[in-house]
Amino acid sequence: MLIESIAPTRVDLAGGTIDIWPLYLFHPGAATVNFGISLYARCRIETRDDDRVILESRDRGLSFETNLAGIPDLVREERLELISKLVHFFKPTVGFHLIAESSAPAGAGLGGSSALAIACIGALNRLVGDRYPQSKFIIIAANIETAVIRVPAGFQDYYGAFYGGANCIHWRADGIEREELKIDAATLERRIAICYTGEPRLSGINNWEMFKTHIDGDPVIFQLFDGIRDSARRMRAALISNDWDEVRATMQAAYPGRKRLAPNITTPRMEALVEKALMNGAEGAKVCGAGGGGCIAFLCAEGRRAEVERALGAETDVQMLDWHFAPEGLVVRER
C-alpha cells in the first residue's frame, strides 16, 4: 500500500496569538484570518512485508529505524519528535516507511510544523483503517504538537492546513468555528509578496512569553489583545468586500500594536527589510506567525509586487517565495 498526503501552509493576515486557548475566551468576538499557500507539507507512507518501521525527514536529512515492537518507545523519542509521537499515537500494526517533507523554509512562521502534523495524521489515519473521523484531526494535531513544543499551541495553523482557502476562525466559548471567506484570490496573489528573511524562528518562545503575561492579568496586554481581535474583524470585512484600501489600512494599523505586544517580534534585519520594501512599492507588512525571524508578508501597491521582490531579493540570504493561493486543504490519496 502507498499512501500520500499533502497539506498547505498558511499566511496569517490578522488575529495571531489570540488563537491560543484560553486567551481568546477573555476577548469576546476573537477571530483569526489566514489563507493557505502552495508551499505544502507532504507525507508518504509505503507499507512493508516485514515489521520494520522507518521514519525519515527529507528536509532535515535525518532518518532512523525501529520495528513494530518499538512503537511504544517512540513516545520518548527525541529524533523526529513530532513524527515519532504521531506514530506512537496511531500505533500501526504493519511495517512501513514514512517520508515527511515540507516546501516551506524551516522556521518560516508559515505553520509548517502544524501542516506537517495534519499531513502525517491524514496518512497515518488511512494506514490504520481510518480509525478517527476527520473532525478529530485538528485536536489530535494540537495536542500532540503541544507535547512536542512543551508550551500551549495556537489552533489557527491547523485550520489553514486542514481546510486551505481563506479562513476566518472564530474563537468562542461554545467552540471554534471556521468560516470560509470568499475572496478575490487573483488580487491576493498579485499583491502579496512573501519574503523569507533567512532568520529562522521558534514560535513557542514568543507565544509563551505573551501567554504568561496575559494570564498574569497585565492590563496593557489585555488592551493589545483587544486590538488583535479588532484587526482580525476589520481584515475579514475588508477581504469579503474586496476593499484593498481597507486591507492596507488594517495592516498598517496593526503592525505597531504587534511590536508593542512583543518587541522581539522583529529583528534589526527584519526592520531593515520592511523599510526597504516600503521604499520600493510595499504598502504594509505583516510578520508571519510569532515573528523573531521567519517570513514577512508584504501588501504591494497594484502592479508593484515584482519591484518589491527585486529590491528584497537583492539582499543576502533573503528568499522571495514563489507561492500560489491554495484553495484546498488536506488531501490523502491511496494506491
Protein backbone atom coordinates (compact mmCIF):
# COMPACT_ATOMS: atom_id res chain seq x y z
CA MET A 1 0.00 0.00 0.00
CA LEU A 2 1.18 3.51 -0.83
CA ILE A 3 -0.42 6.50 0.89
CA GLU A 4 0.42 10.11 0.01
CA SER A 5 -0.95 13.23 1.67
CA ILE A 6 -0.42 16.96 1.36
CA ALA A 7 -1.49 19.94 3.47
CA PRO A 8 -0.83 23.63 2.73
CA THR A 9 1.00 26.06 4.95
CA ARG A 10 -0.61 29.44 5.63
CA VAL A 11 -0.08 33.19 5.86
CA ASP A 12 -1.81 34.81 8.83
CA LEU A 13 -3.10 38.27 7.98
CA ALA A 14 -4.59 39.21 11.36
CA GLY A 15 -5.51 37.73 14.71
CA GLY A 16 -2.39 35.76 15.55
CA THR A 17 -1.62 34.67 19.15
CA ILE A 18 -5.22 35.18 20.24
CA ASP A 19 -5.82 31.65 18.88
CA ILE A 20 -4.12 30.10 21.93
CA TRP A 21 -6.51 28.57 24.45
CA PRO A 22 -7.71 30.08 26.80
CA LEU A 23 -6.60 33.58 25.75
CA TYR A 24 -9.43 34.06 23.25
CA LEU A 25 -12.01 33.45 25.99
CA PHE A 26 -11.08 36.81 27.54
CA HIS A 27 -11.76 38.71 24.29
CA PRO A 28 -15.33 38.17 23.06
CA GLY A 29 -15.50 38.22 19.29
CA ALA A 30 -11.93 36.93 18.92
CA ALA A 31 -11.03 35.79 15.41
CA THR A 32 -8.06 34.97 13.20
CA VAL A 33 -7.78 35.49 9.44
CA ASN A 34 -5.41 33.42 7.32
CA PHE A 35 -5.11 31.82 3.89
CA GLY A 36 -3.48 28.66 2.59
CA ILE A 37 -0.49 28.80 0.26
CA SER A 38 1.01 26.26 -2.10
CA LEU A 39 4.09 25.53 -0.01
CA TYR A 40 2.92 22.10 1.03
CA ALA A 41 3.81 19.68 3.79
CA ARG A 42 3.88 16.12 2.44
CA CYS A 43 3.76 12.67 3.94
CA ARG A 44 4.38 9.44 2.04
CA ILE A 45 3.84 6.04 3.65
CA GLU A 46 4.71 2.78 1.94
CA THR A 47 3.88 -0.43 3.75
CA ARG A 48 6.40 -3.23 4.10
CA ASP A 49 6.21 -7.02 4.25
CA ASP A 50 8.25 -7.13 7.48
CA ASP A 51 7.92 -5.40 10.87
CA ARG A 52 10.45 -2.64 10.18
CA VAL A 53 9.37 0.98 10.81
CA ILE A 54 11.48 3.63 9.06
CA LEU A 55 10.87 7.31 9.80
CA GLU A 56 12.54 9.85 7.52
CA SER A 57 12.57 13.63 7.16
CA ARG A 58 13.78 14.79 3.76
CA ASP A 59 14.13 18.40 4.97
CA ARG A 60 16.36 17.55 7.89
CA GLY A 61 18.25 14.77 6.14
CA LEU A 62 17.52 12.53 9.11
CA SER A 63 16.07 9.05 9.38
CA PHE A 64 16.04 6.24 11.87
CA GLU A 65 14.60 2.77 12.15
CA THR A 66 12.74 0.75 14.72
CA ASN A 67 10.18 -2.04 14.49
CA LEU A 68 6.57 -2.60 15.48
CA ALA A 69 7.63 -3.75 18.95
CA GLY A 70 9.50 -0.46 19.40
CA ILE A 71 6.49 1.81 18.71
CA PRO A 72 5.62 2.19 22.44
CA ASP A 73 9.09 3.68 22.98
CA LEU A 74 8.52 6.38 20.34
CA VAL A 75 6.65 8.49 22.90
CA ARG A 76 10.08 9.32 24.38
CA GLU A 77 11.97 9.51 21.08
CA GLU A 78 13.64 12.90 20.50
CA ARG A 79 14.68 12.26 16.91
CA LEU A 80 11.93 13.49 14.58
CA GLU A 81 9.90 14.02 17.73
CA LEU A 82 6.65 15.18 16.14
CA ILE A 83 6.53 12.27 13.70
CA SER A 84 7.59 9.82 16.42
CA LYS A 85 4.80 10.93 18.75
CA LEU A 86 2.25 10.73 15.93
CA VAL A 87 3.30 7.18 15.08
CA HIS A 88 3.13 6.29 18.77
CA PHE A 89 -0.40 7.71 18.91
CA PHE A 90 -1.72 5.77 15.91
CA LYS A 91 0.20 2.54 16.69
CA PRO A 92 0.15 0.94 13.23
CA THR A 93 0.28 -2.86 13.12
CA VAL A 94 2.15 -3.24 9.82
CA GLY A 95 5.69 -2.29 8.91
CA PHE A 96 6.11 0.87 6.87
CA HIS A 97 8.45 3.58 5.61
CA LEU A 98 7.25 7.14 6.29
CA ILE A 99 8.85 10.08 4.46
CA ALA A 100 7.96 13.63 5.51
CA GLU A 101 8.98 16.84 3.80
CA SER A 102 7.91 20.47 3.53
CA SER A 103 8.24 23.07 0.78
CA ALA A 104 8.32 25.91 3.32
CA PRO A 105 11.68 27.03 4.73
CA ALA A 106 12.48 25.90 8.26
CA GLY A 107 11.27 28.35 10.90
CA ALA A 108 9.37 30.40 8.33
CA GLY A 109 6.41 31.30 10.53
CA LEU A 110 4.04 29.77 7.97
CA GLY A 111 2.72 26.99 10.20
CA GLY A 112 4.95 24.39 8.61
CA SER A 113 5.11 22.00 11.57
CA SER A 114 1.34 22.17 12.00
CA ALA A 115 0.79 21.48 8.30
CA LEU A 116 3.18 18.54 8.58
CA ALA A 117 1.23 17.24 11.57
CA ILE A 118 -2.04 17.42 9.61
CA ALA A 119 -0.48 15.71 6.56
CA CYS A 120 1.01 12.93 8.70
CA ILE A 121 -2.24 12.44 10.61
CA GLY A 122 -4.13 12.11 7.35
CA ALA A 123 -1.72 9.45 6.08
CA LEU A 124 -1.35 7.56 9.36
CA ASN A 125 -5.09 7.51 9.92
CA ARG A 126 -5.53 5.95 6.48
CA LEU A 127 -2.81 3.42 7.33
CA VAL A 128 -4.76 2.26 10.40
CA GLY A 129 -8.03 1.96 8.51
CA ASP A 130 -9.50 5.45 9.06
CA ARG A 131 -9.76 4.88 12.79
CA TYR A 132 -10.67 8.50 13.55
CA PRO A 133 -13.16 10.79 11.77
CA GLN A 134 -11.59 13.82 10.13
CA SER A 135 -13.36 16.02 12.68
CA LYS A 136 -10.78 14.75 15.22
CA PHE A 137 -7.70 15.63 13.16
CA ILE A 138 -7.22 19.20 14.41
CA ILE A 139 -7.49 18.38 18.11
CA ILE A 140 -5.14 15.40 17.69
CA ALA A 141 -2.61 17.61 15.92
CA ALA A 142 -2.83 20.39 18.51
CA ASN A 143 -2.50 18.06 21.48
CA ILE A 144 0.45 16.13 20.10
CA GLU A 145 2.31 19.21 18.86
CA THR A 146 1.81 20.82 22.27
CA ALA A 147 3.52 17.79 23.82
CA VAL A 148 6.43 18.37 21.42
CA ILE A 149 6.92 22.13 21.88
CA ARG A 150 6.00 21.95 25.60
CA VAL A 151 4.05 25.21 25.58
CA PRO A 152 0.43 25.90 24.57
CA ALA A 153 -0.11 25.73 20.82
CA GLY A 154 -2.27 28.11 18.83
CA PHE A 155 -5.01 26.49 16.76
CA GLN A 156 -5.15 28.64 13.63
CA ASP A 157 -2.39 26.80 11.76
CA TYR A 158 -4.28 23.50 11.81
CA TYR A 159 -7.34 25.11 10.26
CA GLY A 160 -5.30 26.59 7.42
CA ALA A 161 -3.68 23.20 6.80
CA PHE A 162 -6.84 21.15 7.08
CA TYR A 163 -9.14 23.41 5.05
CA GLY A 164 -6.88 25.52 2.82
CA GLY A 165 -8.57 28.50 1.20
CA ALA A 166 -9.15 31.76 3.06
CA ASN A 167 -10.38 31.43 6.60
CA CYS A 168 -11.80 33.44 9.43
CA ILE A 169 -11.62 31.26 12.52
CA HIS A 170 -13.97 32.40 15.28
CA TRP A 171 -12.90 31.58 18.84
CA ARG A 172 -15.95 31.24 21.09
CA ALA A 173 -16.88 29.79 24.46
CA ASP A 174 -19.12 27.22 22.79
CA GLY A 175 -16.41 26.08 20.39
CA ILE A 176 -14.28 27.03 17.40
CA GLU A 177 -15.95 27.83 14.09
CA ARG A 178 -14.21 28.09 10.74
CA GLU A 179 -15.76 30.47 8.23
CA GLU A 180 -14.68 30.15 4.62
CA LEU A 181 -14.03 33.59 3.16
CA LYS A 182 -14.94 34.13 -0.47
CA ILE A 183 -12.13 36.41 -1.55
CA ASP A 184 -10.51 37.68 -4.73
CA ALA A 185 -7.66 35.16 -4.86
CA ALA A 186 -6.21 36.64 -8.06
CA THR A 187 -5.75 40.03 -6.43
CA LEU A 188 -4.30 38.38 -3.33
CA GLU A 189 -1.66 36.64 -5.45
CA ARG A 190 -0.97 39.79 -7.43
CA ARG A 191 -0.44 42.00 -4.39
CA ILE A 192 1.11 39.83 -1.66
CA ALA A 193 4.87 39.20 -1.67
CA ILE A 194 6.31 36.79 0.88
CA CYS A 195 9.90 37.20 1.97
CA TYR A 196 11.88 34.63 3.96
CA THR A 197 14.36 36.70 5.95
CA GLY A 198 16.95 33.95 6.32
CA GLU A 199 16.50 34.05 10.10
CA PRO A 200 14.55 31.01 11.36
CA ARG A 201 12.38 31.40 14.44
CA LEU A 202 10.72 29.30 17.13
CA SER A 203 7.10 30.28 17.66
CA GLY A 204 6.85 28.75 21.12
CA ILE A 205 9.26 31.29 22.61
CA ASN A 206 7.38 34.45 21.64
CA ASN A 207 3.95 32.91 22.20
CA TRP A 208 4.85 31.58 25.64
CA GLU A 209 6.08 34.97 26.86
CA MET A 210 2.88 36.67 25.68
CA PHE A 211 0.78 33.85 27.12
CA LYS A 212 2.33 34.19 30.58
CA THR A 213 1.96 37.97 30.62
CA HIS A 214 -1.66 37.73 29.56
CA ILE A 215 -2.50 35.08 32.18
CA ASP A 216 -0.85 37.25 34.82
CA GLY A 217 -3.51 39.88 34.04
CA ASP A 218 -1.39 42.68 32.60
CA PRO A 219 -3.97 45.37 31.60
CA VAL A 220 -1.79 46.68 28.77
CA ILE A 221 -1.57 43.20 27.27
CA PHE A 222 -5.35 42.84 27.53
CA GLN A 223 -5.78 46.09 25.60
CA LEU A 224 -3.32 44.97 22.93
CA PHE A 225 -5.13 41.65 22.55
CA ASP A 226 -8.38 43.54 22.09
CA GLY A 227 -6.57 45.33 19.26
CA ILE A 228 -5.57 41.98 17.73
CA ARG A 229 -9.20 40.90 17.81
CA ASP A 230 -10.38 44.13 16.23
CA SER A 231 -7.76 43.92 13.48
CA ALA A 232 -8.94 40.45 12.54
CA ARG A 233 -12.55 41.58 12.35
CA ARG A 234 -11.54 44.53 10.17
CA MET A 235 -9.47 42.29 7.91
CA ARG A 236 -12.33 39.83 7.49
CA ALA A 237 -14.70 42.60 6.43
CA ALA A 238 -12.14 44.13 4.07
CA LEU A 239 -11.42 40.85 2.27
CA ILE A 240 -15.08 39.95 1.92
CA SER A 241 -15.87 43.35 0.41
CA ASN A 242 -12.71 43.27 -1.77
CA ASP A 243 -11.67 46.59 -0.22
CA TRP A 244 -7.90 46.63 -0.61
CA ASP A 245 -7.58 50.16 0.73
CA GLU A 246 -9.04 48.84 3.98
CA VAL A 247 -6.73 45.80 3.87
CA ARG A 248 -3.80 48.23 3.64
CA ALA A 249 -5.12 50.44 6.45
CA THR A 250 -5.69 47.42 8.69
CA MET A 251 -2.17 46.09 8.15
CA GLN A 252 -0.63 49.49 8.74
CA ALA A 253 -2.57 50.00 11.97
CA ALA A 254 -1.83 46.51 13.32
CA TYR A 255 1.94 46.50 12.78
CA PRO A 256 2.94 48.83 15.66
CA GLY A 257 0.50 47.09 18.00
CA ARG A 258 2.12 43.74 17.37
CA LYS A 259 5.52 45.25 18.12
CA ARG A 260 4.24 46.65 21.41
CA LEU A 261 2.90 43.24 22.33
CA ALA A 262 6.22 41.53 21.63
CA PRO A 263 9.18 43.84 20.89
CA ASN A 264 11.25 40.87 19.70
CA ILE A 265 8.69 40.03 17.02
CA THR A 266 11.06 41.83 14.64
CA THR A 267 14.83 41.82 14.46
CA PRO A 268 17.02 44.68 13.19
CA ARG A 269 17.34 42.81 9.90
CA MET A 270 13.58 42.44 9.61
CA GLU A 271 13.11 46.15 10.28
CA ALA A 272 15.59 46.96 7.55
CA LEU A 273 13.76 44.70 5.10
CA VAL A 274 10.41 46.30 5.94
CA GLU A 275 11.87 49.76 5.40
CA LYS A 276 13.36 48.75 2.06
CA ALA A 277 10.11 47.15 0.91
CA LEU A 278 8.11 50.27 1.82
CA MET A 279 10.54 52.36 -0.25
CA ASN A 280 10.02 50.12 -3.28
CA GLY A 281 6.28 49.70 -3.57
CA ALA A 282 5.05 47.89 -0.46
CA GLU A 283 2.15 49.47 1.40
CA GLY A 284 2.01 47.29 4.50
CA ALA A 285 3.84 44.48 6.28
CA LYS A 286 2.77 41.52 8.39
CA VAL A 287 5.30 39.42 10.27
CA CYS A 288 4.21 35.81 9.79
CA GLY A 289 3.49 33.73 12.85
CA ALA A 290 5.13 34.66 16.12
CA GLY A 291 7.97 36.54 14.43
CA GLY A 292 11.50 36.89 15.72
CA GLY A 293 12.64 35.77 12.26
CA GLY A 294 10.97 33.75 9.57
CA CYS A 295 8.78 35.34 6.90
CA ILE A 296 7.22 38.73 6.29
CA ALA A 297 4.20 39.16 4.04
CA PHE A 298 4.02 42.48 2.21
CA LEU A 299 0.97 44.08 0.67
CA CYS A 300 2.25 45.69 -2.51
CA ALA A 301 0.75 48.58 -4.41
CA GLU A 302 -1.09 47.47 -7.54
CA GLY A 303 1.44 46.46 -10.17
CA ARG A 304 4.49 46.74 -7.89
CA ARG A 305 4.93 43.25 -6.44
CA ALA A 306 7.78 42.49 -8.85
CA GLU A 307 9.54 45.70 -7.84
CA VAL A 308 9.28 44.81 -4.16
CA GLU A 309 10.57 41.30 -4.84
CA ARG A 310 13.54 42.58 -6.85
CA ALA A 311 14.54 45.00 -4.10
CA LEU A 312 14.32 42.45 -1.30
CA GLY A 313 15.74 39.59 -3.37
CA ALA A 314 18.96 41.55 -3.80
CA GLU A 315 19.64 41.21 -0.06
CA THR A 316 21.99 38.45 1.11
CA ASP A 317 20.24 35.28 2.31
CA VAL A 318 16.77 36.68 1.60
CA GLN A 319 14.47 34.36 -0.34
CA MET A 320 11.35 35.57 -2.11
CA LEU A 321 8.87 32.72 -2.00
CA ASP A 322 7.13 31.51 -5.13
CA TRP A 323 3.60 30.78 -3.96
CA HIS A 324 0.00 30.50 -5.09
CA PHE A 325 -3.29 30.55 -3.23
CA ALA A 326 -4.19 27.03 -2.05
CA PRO A 327 -7.96 26.61 -2.32
CA GLU A 328 -7.91 23.06 -0.90
CA GLY A 329 -6.63 21.72 2.39
CA LEU A 330 -5.61 18.21 3.36
CA VAL A 331 -5.68 15.68 0.53
CA VAL A 332 -4.99 11.98 1.13
CA ARG A 333 -4.55 9.52 -1.73
CA GLU A 334 -4.03 5.77 -1.62
CA ARG A 335 -2.83 3.44 -4.35
